[in-house]
Amino acid sequence: MPNSLEVSHLSHRYPPRGRELARDTLHDVGFHVDAGRVGCLLGPSGCGKTTLLRCVAGLERIGGGTIAIGGRVVADSRVHIEPEARGVGVVFQDYALFPHLDVAGNVGFGLGKLSATERAVRVQEALELVHLRDASHAYPHELSGGQQQRVALARALVVKPQLVLFDEPFSNLDIETRQRLSAEVRASLFEAGATALLVTHDQHEAFALADEIGVLRDGHLEQWDTAYNLYHKPSSRFIADFVGEGVFLPARVIDANHLDSELGVLALSSPTQRASGDEIELLLRPDDVVHDDESRNTAKVIARAFRGAEFLYTLELASGRSVLALVPSHHNHRIGEAIGIRVELDHVVAF
């Protein structure tokens, strides 16, 4: 399929250097990004996500497997297409803008083979895509961090690549700018019809930009899925811990529709497949724990974080275990106060 990305059974190893031994970084990684979609590689530092991005870009040679862009194999055991011939645009973490060139010069830098007229038209089109039409004569030092990032995106889009790669693109920006720019970049990619692959350690960034997200751990792809499924249907304990917020509460299966726990008998909205009597660890997300003044179950507020419309309360149960609860911010409880809670489980995640 044009502009799609297919990664199959990918492995990578850094060779020994000096006293350092050879190091395996990627193990049998496979995923697919359809044309016009945005994929994301999410994981902690050192998990292999940037190495994987560099393999797709052609900056690293792979150890095994296949990478295909737009249906064309660009890397396998015999083939290594150089980066400039892969039809890929890259947006770097530090923007990598030339300080001595104005915005138009930076955006058009890779269009040397076009005539001056053609180059000017393409640059203006790219700047309109990122809403910087009137900034073509400004220099990088005259722009905000968010504007510099949009210039970097325009430079990647101006060559009409089959695939755009983002390496931690918003990590140098403040939270407010990051959130706004995520939405703008998503809109620009959609308008350009571009396929993209993003690398980040920031879950909110991944959720805002990506259609599908792959969680990497020690070079292994643990799950490639939508944000909704990663949050509500994690395939492993690691993903349940890593994605979103939550705690694990011991429970015992009574029957397909009920669990017994410290918070009493919990009714399930959908049946569990686990056998009666099974001892499990039940994942409770903050939105599973509801503030209810009428409930007989109480918990003590031991920490709170104000989030505008909501408080995120950390609550201590009688056993000393903690749970998290999202509560509307007009319920302003002090540290040490006991509040009533109940559990509403729309999704049962247990290990």
Protein backbone atom coordinates (compact mmCIF):
# COMPACT_ATOMS: atom_id res chain seq x y z
CA MET A 1 0.00 0.00 0.00
CA PRO A 2 1.38 3.50 -0.88
CA ASN A 3 2.91 5.33 2.10
CA SER A 4 2.38 2.41 4.50
CA LEU A 5 5.07 1.16 6.87
CA GLU A 6 5.61 -2.55 7.52
CA VAL A 7 8.14 -3.79 10.06
CA SER A 8 8.52 -7.59 10.30
CA HIS A 9 10.66 -9.70 12.68
CA LEU A 10 13.11 -6.82 13.09
CA SER A 11 16.26 -7.33 15.15
CA HIS A 12 19.23 -5.07 15.78
CA ARG A 13 22.55 -5.41 17.57
CA TYR A 14 25.26 -2.86 18.35
CA PRO A 15 28.69 -4.42 17.68
CA PRO A 16 31.36 -4.54 20.42
CA ARG A 17 33.30 -1.33 20.97
CA GLY A 18 36.48 -1.20 23.01
CA ARG A 19 35.72 -2.99 26.26
CA GLU A 20 31.98 -2.96 25.61
CA LEU A 21 30.42 -6.25 24.55
CA ALA A 22 28.00 -6.55 21.65
CA ARG A 23 24.54 -5.42 22.70
CA ASP A 24 21.17 -6.64 21.39
CA THR A 25 18.68 -3.77 21.23
CA LEU A 26 15.67 -5.08 19.26
CA HIS A 27 14.17 -8.57 19.27
CA ASP A 28 11.69 -9.82 16.64
CA VAL A 29 9.74 -6.55 16.45
CA GLY A 30 6.80 -6.35 14.07
CA PHE A 31 4.02 -3.80 13.41
CA HIS A 32 2.15 -2.07 10.58
CA VAL A 33 1.15 1.57 10.03
CA ASP A 34 -1.44 2.12 7.29
CA ALA A 35 -1.15 5.01 4.83
CA GLY A 36 -2.32 8.29 6.34
CA ARG A 37 -2.16 6.96 9.91
CA VAL A 38 0.12 7.87 12.81
CA GLY A 39 1.92 5.14 14.73
CA CYS A 40 3.86 5.61 17.94
CA LEU A 41 6.65 3.78 19.75
CA LEU A 42 6.25 4.35 23.48
CA GLY A 43 8.51 3.17 26.27
CA PRO A 44 10.98 4.09 29.00
CA SER A 45 14.52 5.30 28.31
CA GLY A 46 16.77 2.57 26.91
CA CYS A 47 13.95 0.35 25.61
CA GLY A 48 15.11 0.58 21.97
CA LYS A 49 12.52 2.96 20.53
CA THR A 50 14.98 5.51 19.10
CA THR A 51 17.15 2.72 17.68
CA LEU A 52 14.05 1.33 15.94
CA LEU A 53 13.27 4.77 14.48
CA ARG A 54 16.86 5.07 13.23
CA CYS A 55 16.52 1.64 11.58
CA VAL A 56 13.39 2.81 9.74
CA ALA A 57 15.16 6.02 8.70
CA GLY A 58 18.15 4.04 7.40
CA LEU A 59 20.58 5.51 9.93
CA GLU A 60 21.19 2.06 11.44
CA ARG A 61 21.65 -1.26 9.64
CA ILE A 62 19.31 -3.97 10.87
CA GLY A 63 20.43 -7.40 12.08
CA GLY A 64 17.45 -9.31 10.72
CA GLY A 65 13.88 -8.98 9.53
CA THR A 66 12.37 -6.59 7.00
CA ILE A 67 11.37 -2.92 6.75
CA ALA A 68 9.10 -1.91 3.87
CA ILE A 69 7.87 1.62 3.09
CA GLY A 70 5.07 1.99 0.59
CA GLY A 71 5.38 -1.68 -0.27
CA ARG A 72 9.08 -1.34 -1.17
CA VAL A 73 11.62 -3.23 0.93
CA VAL A 74 14.18 -0.71 2.18
CA ALA A 75 16.01 -3.03 4.57
CA ASP A 76 16.41 -6.78 5.02
CA SER A 77 19.27 -9.28 5.25
CA ARG A 78 20.52 -8.27 1.76
CA VAL A 79 19.12 -4.79 1.12
CA HIS A 80 19.99 -1.46 2.76
CA ILE A 81 18.55 1.58 0.98
CA GLU A 82 20.34 4.76 2.06
CA PRO A 83 18.33 7.31 4.09
CA GLU A 84 18.08 9.91 1.32
CA ALA A 85 16.54 7.32 -1.04
CA ARG A 86 13.83 6.03 1.34
CA GLY A 87 11.32 8.84 0.88
CA VAL A 88 11.42 9.64 4.59
CA GLY A 89 11.28 12.99 6.40
CA VAL A 90 12.67 13.26 9.93
CA VAL A 91 11.72 15.77 12.65
CA PHE A 92 14.47 15.76 15.26
CA GLN A 93 14.20 16.43 18.98
CA ASP A 94 16.43 19.53 18.78
CA TYR A 95 14.79 20.80 15.52
CA ALA A 96 18.26 20.95 13.78
CA LEU A 97 17.50 24.29 12.10
CA PHE A 98 20.28 26.28 10.42
CA PRO A 99 20.68 29.53 12.40
CA HIS A 100 22.07 31.47 9.42
CA LEU A 101 19.07 30.66 7.20
CA ASP A 102 15.63 32.21 7.50
CA VAL A 103 12.51 30.05 7.76
CA ALA A 104 12.08 29.78 3.98
CA GLY A 105 15.74 28.81 3.60
CA ASN A 106 15.46 26.13 6.27
CA VAL A 107 12.26 24.65 4.86
CA GLY A 108 13.54 24.65 1.27
CA PHE A 109 17.01 23.33 2.07
CA GLY A 110 16.31 19.87 0.66
CA LEU A 111 14.79 21.15 -2.60
CA GLY A 112 18.03 22.10 -4.35
CA LYS A 113 17.12 20.21 -7.52
CA LEU A 114 14.00 22.32 -8.14
CA SER A 115 13.93 25.71 -9.85
CA ALA A 116 13.71 28.79 -7.66
CA THR A 117 10.04 29.26 -8.61
CA GLU A 118 9.10 25.65 -7.88
CA ARG A 119 11.03 25.76 -4.63
CA ALA A 120 9.24 28.94 -3.48
CA VAL A 121 5.83 27.42 -4.23
CA ARG A 122 6.60 24.21 -2.33
CA VAL A 123 7.99 26.14 0.66
CA GLN A 124 4.90 28.35 0.82
CA GLU A 125 2.62 25.30 0.67
CA ALA A 126 4.51 23.64 3.52
CA LEU A 127 4.42 26.79 5.65
CA GLU A 128 0.68 27.10 5.14
CA LEU A 129 0.27 23.51 6.32
CA VAL A 130 1.91 24.40 9.65
CA HIS A 131 0.31 27.87 9.90
CA LEU A 132 3.55 29.83 9.47
CA ARG A 133 2.79 31.52 6.15
CA ASP A 134 3.85 34.96 7.39
CA ALA A 135 7.08 33.81 9.05
CA SER A 136 9.11 32.91 5.95
CA HIS A 137 11.67 35.71 6.45
CA ALA A 138 12.14 35.22 10.21
CA TYR A 139 15.25 33.55 11.60
CA PRO A 140 15.17 30.62 14.07
CA HIS A 141 16.31 32.75 17.03
CA GLU A 142 13.31 35.02 16.47
CA LEU A 143 10.84 32.15 16.87
CA SER A 144 9.38 30.42 19.92
CA GLY A 145 10.13 26.77 20.56
CA GLY A 146 6.73 25.75 19.22
CA GLN A 147 7.26 27.77 16.03
CA GLN A 148 10.70 26.22 15.53
CA GLN A 149 9.16 22.79 15.83
CA ARG A 150 6.59 23.69 13.17
CA VAL A 151 9.40 24.87 10.88
CA ALA A 152 11.08 21.48 11.37
CA LEU A 153 7.79 19.77 10.47
CA ALA A 154 7.40 21.94 7.36
CA ARG A 155 10.94 21.01 6.28
CA ALA A 156 10.04 17.32 6.63
CA LEU A 157 6.75 17.70 4.71
CA VAL A 158 8.07 19.92 1.90
CA VAL A 159 9.80 17.01 0.15
CA LYS A 160 6.45 15.14 0.11
CA PRO A 161 7.82 12.07 1.91
CA GLN A 162 6.11 8.71 2.05
CA LEU A 163 6.75 8.64 5.78
CA VAL A 164 7.49 11.26 8.47
CA LEU A 165 9.49 10.21 11.53
CA PHE A 166 9.38 12.11 14.83
CA ASP A 167 12.09 11.62 17.47
CA GLU A 168 10.78 12.90 20.84
CA PRO A 169 9.50 15.99 19.00
CA PHE A 170 8.03 17.97 21.90
CA SER A 171 10.35 17.09 24.79
CA ASN A 172 11.95 20.58 24.83
CA LEU A 173 8.61 22.39 25.14
CA ASP A 174 6.50 23.32 28.14
CA ILE A 175 3.36 21.26 28.83
CA GLU A 176 0.86 23.82 27.51
CA THR A 177 2.77 24.34 24.24
CA ARG A 178 3.26 20.58 23.90
CA GLN A 179 -0.48 19.90 24.17
CA ARG A 180 -1.42 22.64 21.71
CA LEU A 181 1.29 21.70 19.23
CA SER A 182 0.34 18.00 19.36
CA ALA A 183 -3.12 18.89 18.05
CA GLU A 184 -1.67 21.22 15.39
CA VAL A 185 0.84 18.62 14.16
CA ARG A 186 -1.88 15.98 13.99
CA ALA A 187 -4.04 18.33 11.89
CA SER A 188 -1.11 19.19 9.58
CA LEU A 189 -0.30 15.51 9.01
CA PHE A 190 -3.94 14.77 8.24
CA GLU A 191 -4.15 17.68 5.79
CA ALA A 192 -0.95 16.55 4.07
CA GLY A 193 -2.16 12.93 3.95
CA ALA A 194 1.13 11.90 5.53
CA THR A 195 1.94 8.62 7.27
CA ALA A 196 3.97 9.11 10.43
CA LEU A 197 5.86 7.23 13.14
CA LEU A 198 6.50 8.94 16.47
CA VAL A 199 8.94 8.00 19.23
CA THR A 200 8.20 9.27 22.74
CA HIS A 201 8.28 8.38 26.43
CA ASP A 202 5.31 10.71 27.08
CA GLN A 203 1.99 8.87 27.19
CA HIS A 204 -0.10 12.03 26.79
CA GLU A 205 1.85 12.90 23.64
CA ALA A 206 1.30 9.40 22.28
CA PHE A 207 -2.43 9.48 23.07
CA ALA A 208 -2.85 12.92 21.46
CA LEU A 209 -1.07 12.09 18.20
CA ALA A 210 -1.20 8.39 17.45
CA ASP A 211 -3.81 6.05 15.97
CA GLU A 212 -1.90 2.98 17.17
CA ILE A 213 0.78 2.73 19.83
CA GLY A 214 3.45 0.11 20.41
CA VAL A 215 4.87 -0.29 23.91
CA LEU A 216 8.52 -1.36 23.92
CA ARG A 217 10.32 -3.00 26.81
CA ASP A 218 13.98 -4.05 26.62
CA GLY A 219 13.80 -4.25 22.84
CA HIS A 220 10.60 -6.34 22.78
CA LEU A 221 7.30 -5.02 21.44
CA GLU A 222 4.88 -5.90 24.25
CA GLN A 223 1.68 -4.71 22.55
CA TRP A 224 0.73 -2.78 19.40
CA ASP A 225 -2.78 -1.43 19.83
CA THR A 226 -5.03 1.60 20.21
CA ALA A 227 -4.63 3.85 23.24
CA TYR A 228 -8.04 2.66 24.47
CA ASN A 229 -7.01 -1.00 24.44
CA LEU A 230 -3.61 -0.32 26.00
CA TYR A 231 -5.36 1.42 28.87
CA HIS A 232 -8.37 -0.86 29.32
CA LYS A 233 -7.07 -4.17 27.89
CA PRO A 234 -3.32 -4.33 28.60
CA SER A 235 -1.75 -7.61 27.53
CA SER A 236 0.83 -7.72 30.34
CA ARG A 237 1.42 -6.53 33.88
CA PHE A 238 4.17 -4.24 32.58
CA ILE A 239 1.78 -2.40 30.25
CA ALA A 240 -0.87 -2.18 32.96
CA ASP A 241 1.74 -0.52 35.19
CA PHE A 242 3.31 1.65 32.48
CA VAL A 243 0.25 3.01 30.68
CA GLY A 244 -1.97 5.36 32.66
CA GLU A 245 -2.30 5.33 36.42
CA GLY A 246 -3.62 2.61 38.67
CA VAL A 247 -2.95 0.20 41.50
CA PHE A 248 -3.41 -3.54 41.99
CA LEU A 249 -5.81 -4.86 44.63
CA PRO A 250 -5.90 -8.53 45.70
CA ALA A 251 -9.24 -10.19 44.97
CA ARG A 252 -10.82 -13.64 44.71
CA VAL A 253 -13.21 -14.83 41.99
CA ILE A 254 -16.62 -15.76 43.40
CA ASP A 255 -18.25 -16.51 40.06
CA ALA A 256 -18.19 -15.14 36.51
CA ASN A 257 -19.87 -11.91 37.57
CA HIS A 258 -18.52 -11.24 41.07
CA LEU A 259 -15.20 -10.72 42.87
CA ASP A 260 -14.52 -10.60 46.59
CA SER A 261 -12.07 -7.90 47.75
CA GLU A 262 -11.18 -5.62 50.60
CA LEU A 263 -13.79 -3.24 49.19
CA GLY A 264 -16.49 -5.90 49.41
CA VAL A 265 -18.16 -7.93 46.68
CA LEU A 266 -17.57 -6.27 43.31
CA ALA A 267 -20.12 -6.77 40.54
CA LEU A 268 -18.64 -7.01 37.05
CA SER A 269 -20.19 -5.33 34.02
CA SER A 270 -18.87 -8.15 31.83
CA PRO A 271 -18.15 -11.76 32.92
CA THR A 272 -14.63 -12.83 33.81
CA GLN A 273 -13.21 -15.99 32.28
CA ARG A 274 -11.32 -16.88 35.44
CA ALA A 275 -12.39 -19.86 37.57
CA SER A 276 -14.24 -19.59 40.85
CA GLY A 277 -11.77 -19.41 43.74
CA ASP A 278 -8.90 -17.95 41.65
CA GLU A 279 -6.76 -15.46 43.55
CA ILE A 280 -6.04 -12.48 41.32
CA GLU A 281 -4.55 -8.99 41.36
CA LEU A 282 -7.21 -6.60 40.10
CA LEU A 283 -6.15 -3.40 38.31
CA LEU A 284 -8.07 -0.38 39.58
CA ARG A 285 -7.80 2.79 37.52
CA PRO A 286 -8.64 6.16 39.12
CA ASP A 287 -11.90 6.25 37.15
CA ASP A 288 -12.91 2.86 38.61
CA VAL A 289 -13.02 4.29 42.15
CA VAL A 290 -16.04 6.57 42.66
CA HIS A 291 -16.51 9.04 45.53
CA ASP A 292 -19.79 8.10 47.28
CA ASP A 293 -20.77 9.64 50.63
CA GLU A 294 -23.41 6.92 51.10
CA SER A 295 -20.94 4.04 50.80
CA ARG A 296 -19.96 1.98 53.84
CA ASN A 297 -16.44 1.64 52.40
CA THR A 298 -14.24 4.52 53.45
CA ALA A 299 -10.63 5.45 52.75
CA LYS A 300 -8.33 8.15 54.08
CA VAL A 301 -6.96 10.89 51.83
CA ILE A 302 -3.15 10.68 52.02
CA ALA A 303 -2.28 12.78 48.93
CA ARG A 304 -4.10 14.89 46.38
CA ALA A 305 -3.29 16.57 43.08
CA PHE A 306 -5.48 19.38 41.77
CA ARG A 307 -6.20 19.01 38.04
CA GLY A 308 -8.68 21.79 37.46
CA ALA A 309 -11.98 20.01 36.96
CA GLU A 310 -10.86 17.09 39.15
CA PHE A 311 -8.73 16.07 42.08
CA LEU A 312 -6.63 12.92 41.83
CA TYR A 313 -6.81 11.54 45.37
CA THR A 314 -4.50 8.87 46.75
CA LEU A 315 -6.56 6.99 49.33
CA GLU A 316 -5.41 4.61 52.03
CA LEU A 317 -7.60 1.58 52.77
CA ALA A 318 -7.94 -0.09 56.18
CA SER A 319 -5.26 -2.64 55.22
CA GLY A 320 -2.77 0.11 54.42
CA ARG A 321 -3.04 -0.48 50.66
CA SER A 322 -3.64 2.54 48.44
CA VAL A 323 -6.06 3.23 45.60
CA LEU A 324 -6.46 6.25 43.33
CA ALA A 325 -9.69 8.14 42.65
CA LEU A 326 -10.63 10.94 40.27
CA VAL A 327 -13.13 13.18 42.04
CA PRO A 328 -14.84 16.38 40.78
CA SER A 329 -12.92 19.34 42.20
CA HIS A 330 -15.87 20.78 44.10
CA HIS A 331 -15.31 17.83 46.49
CA ASN A 332 -12.37 19.49 48.22
CA HIS A 333 -11.19 17.03 50.90
CA ARG A 334 -8.23 17.65 53.18
CA ILE A 335 -5.33 15.31 53.84
CA GLY A 336 -6.26 12.84 56.58
CA GLU A 337 -10.01 13.04 55.92
CA ALA A 338 -11.96 9.79 55.40
CA ILE A 339 -14.31 9.68 52.39
CA GLY A 340 -16.80 7.10 51.14
CA ILE A 341 -15.90 5.19 47.97
CA ARG A 342 -17.31 2.45 45.77
CA VAL A 343 -15.92 0.56 42.80
CA GLU A 344 -17.49 0.58 39.32
CA LEU A 345 -15.72 -1.86 37.00
CA ASP A 346 -16.44 -1.45 33.30
CA HIS A 347 -13.29 -3.41 32.41
CA VAL A 348 -11.78 -6.26 34.40
CA VAL A 349 -8.00 -6.34 34.15
CA ALA A 350 -6.45 -8.96 36.38
CA PHE A 351 -3.14 -10.82 36.63
